[in-house]
C-alpha atoms as a PDB file:
ATOM      1  CA  MET A   1     -22.835  20.150 -28.301  1.00  0.00           C
ATOM      2  CA  GLN A   2     -26.567  20.026 -27.650  1.00  0.00           C
ATOM      3  CA  ALA A   3     -26.360  16.454 -26.309  1.00  0.00           C
ATOM      4  CA  ILE A   4     -23.880  17.669 -23.689  1.00  0.00           C
ATOM      5  CA  ARG A   5     -25.720  20.889 -22.846  1.00  0.00           C
ATOM      6  CA  LYS A   6     -29.367  19.774 -22.851  1.00  0.00           C
ATOM      7  CA  PRO A   7     -29.342  18.031 -19.417  1.00  0.00           C
ATOM      8  CA  LEU A   8     -27.904  21.203 -17.851  1.00  0.00           C
ATOM      9  CA  GLY A   9     -30.941  23.300 -18.756  1.00  0.00           C
ATOM     10  CA  LYS A  10     -30.980  26.923 -19.795  1.00  0.00           C
ATOM     11  CA  ASN A  11     -27.775  28.978 -19.618  1.00  0.00           C
ATOM     12  CA  ILE A  12     -28.052  31.536 -16.812  1.00  0.00           C
ATOM     13  CA  SER A  13     -24.673  33.262 -17.141  1.00  0.00           C
ATOM     14  CA  ARG A  14     -21.361  32.977 -18.969  1.00  0.00           C
ATOM     15  CA  GLU A  15     -18.161  34.913 -18.251  1.00  0.00           C
ATOM     16  CA  LEU A  16     -14.912  34.648 -20.207  1.00  0.00           C
ATOM     17  CA  LYS A  17     -12.222  33.132 -18.001  1.00  0.00           C
ATOM     18  CA  SER A  18      -9.355  32.656 -20.471  1.00  0.00           C
ATOM     19  CA  LYS A  19      -8.420  32.505 -24.143  1.00  0.00           C
ATOM     20  CA  ARG A  20      -5.195  30.855 -25.288  1.00  0.00           C
ATOM     21  CA  TYR A  21      -3.788  30.311 -28.770  1.00  0.00           C
ATOM     22  CA  ARG A  22      -2.074  26.947 -29.306  1.00  0.00           C
ATOM     23  CA  THR A  23      -0.362  25.128 -32.170  1.00  0.00           C
ATOM     24  CA  SER A  24      -0.532  21.722 -30.494  1.00  0.00           C
ATOM     25  CA  LEU A  25      -2.891  19.985 -28.098  1.00  0.00           C
ATOM     26  CA  PRO A  26      -2.676  16.544 -26.468  1.00  0.00           C
ATOM     27  CA  GLY A  27      -4.138  13.864 -28.741  1.00  0.00           C
ATOM     28  CA  ALA A  28      -4.774  16.281 -31.621  1.00  0.00           C
ATOM     29  CA  PRO A  29      -2.848  16.972 -34.821  1.00  0.00           C
ATOM     30  CA  ASP A  30      -0.672  20.095 -34.923  1.00  0.00           C
ATOM     31  CA  GLY A  31      -2.575  23.116 -36.156  1.00  0.00           C
ATOM     32  CA  LYS A  32      -3.956  26.478 -35.073  1.00  0.00           C
ATOM     33  CA  TYR A  33      -6.268  26.280 -32.064  1.00  0.00           C
ATOM     34  CA  VAL A  34      -7.864  28.649 -29.584  1.00  0.00           C
ATOM     35  CA  VAL A  35      -8.764  27.191 -26.181  1.00  0.00           C
ATOM     36  CA  ILE A  36     -11.532  29.373 -24.752  1.00  0.00           C
ATOM     37  CA  GLN A  37     -12.813  28.834 -21.212  1.00  0.00           C
ATOM     38  CA  PHE A  38     -15.936  30.304 -19.649  1.00  0.00           C
ATOM     39  CA  LYS A  39     -17.243  30.331 -16.076  1.00  0.00           C
ATOM     40  CA  SER A  40     -20.876  29.372 -16.638  1.00  0.00           C
ATOM     41  CA  SER A  41     -24.064  28.754 -14.720  1.00  0.00           C
ATOM     42  CA  PHE A  42     -27.013  26.639 -15.891  1.00  0.00           C
ATOM     43  CA  GLU A  43     -30.449  25.841 -14.478  1.00  0.00           C
ATOM     44  CA  ASN A  44     -29.323  22.355 -13.411  1.00  0.00           C
ATOM     45  CA  LYS A  45     -25.635  23.061 -12.737  1.00  0.00           C
ATOM     46  CA  LYS A  46     -24.903  26.236 -10.820  1.00  0.00           C
ATOM     47  CA  SER A  47     -21.147  26.297 -11.399  1.00  0.00           C
ATOM     48  CA  ALA A  48     -19.495  24.967 -14.559  1.00  0.00           C
ATOM     49  CA  LEU A  49     -16.355  25.449 -16.607  1.00  0.00           C
ATOM     50  CA  GLU A  50     -17.064  25.377 -20.353  1.00  0.00           C
ATOM     51  CA  THR A  51     -14.153  24.823 -22.725  1.00  0.00           C
ATOM     52  CA  VAL A  52     -14.624  25.522 -26.439  1.00  0.00           C
ATOM     53  CA  THR A  53     -11.778  24.726 -28.827  1.00  0.00           C
ATOM     54  CA  PRO A  54     -12.040  26.060 -32.382  1.00  0.00           C
ATOM     55  CA  MET A  55      -9.436  24.946 -34.947  1.00  0.00           C
ATOM     56  CA  LEU A  56      -8.431  26.721 -38.145  1.00  0.00           C
ATOM     57  CA  ASP A  57      -9.331  24.294 -40.935  1.00  0.00           C
ATOM     58  CA  LYS A  58      -7.471  23.813 -44.222  1.00  0.00           C
ATOM     59  CA  ASP A  59     -10.070  25.959 -46.016  1.00  0.00           C
ATOM     60  CA  GLY A  60      -9.273  28.919 -43.728  1.00  0.00           C
ATOM     61  CA  LYS A  61     -12.476  28.648 -41.653  1.00  0.00           C
ATOM     62  CA  TRP A  62     -12.600  28.228 -37.885  1.00  0.00           C
ATOM     63  CA  ARG A  63     -14.579  25.187 -36.728  1.00  0.00           C
ATOM     64  CA  VAL A  64     -15.247  23.874 -33.231  1.00  0.00           C
ATOM     65  CA  SER A  65     -13.103  20.791 -32.693  1.00  0.00           C
ATOM     66  CA  GLY A  66     -13.923  20.309 -29.013  1.00  0.00           C
ATOM     67  CA  TYR A  67     -16.521  21.270 -26.417  1.00  0.00           C
ATOM     68  CA  TYR A  68     -16.333  20.170 -22.779  1.00  0.00           C
ATOM     69  CA  ILE A  69     -18.109  21.010 -19.536  1.00  0.00           C
ATOM     70  CA  LYS A  70     -16.755  20.311 -16.044  1.00  0.00           C
END
């Protein structure tokens, strides 16, 4: 995640936009996912949409399986 975020600079603000539970996602195996989207602002990108996708792993722990910024 840091490789994606570093060029954007410091996070200025982050507001929850949506949170959706899914059992399937395009190009991913079936499982338990949460697609969380934030309206964010960074030093070098004033308006961004961050998407964080945790997945429930076989050991019962949630782990981030995807992180994207538009």
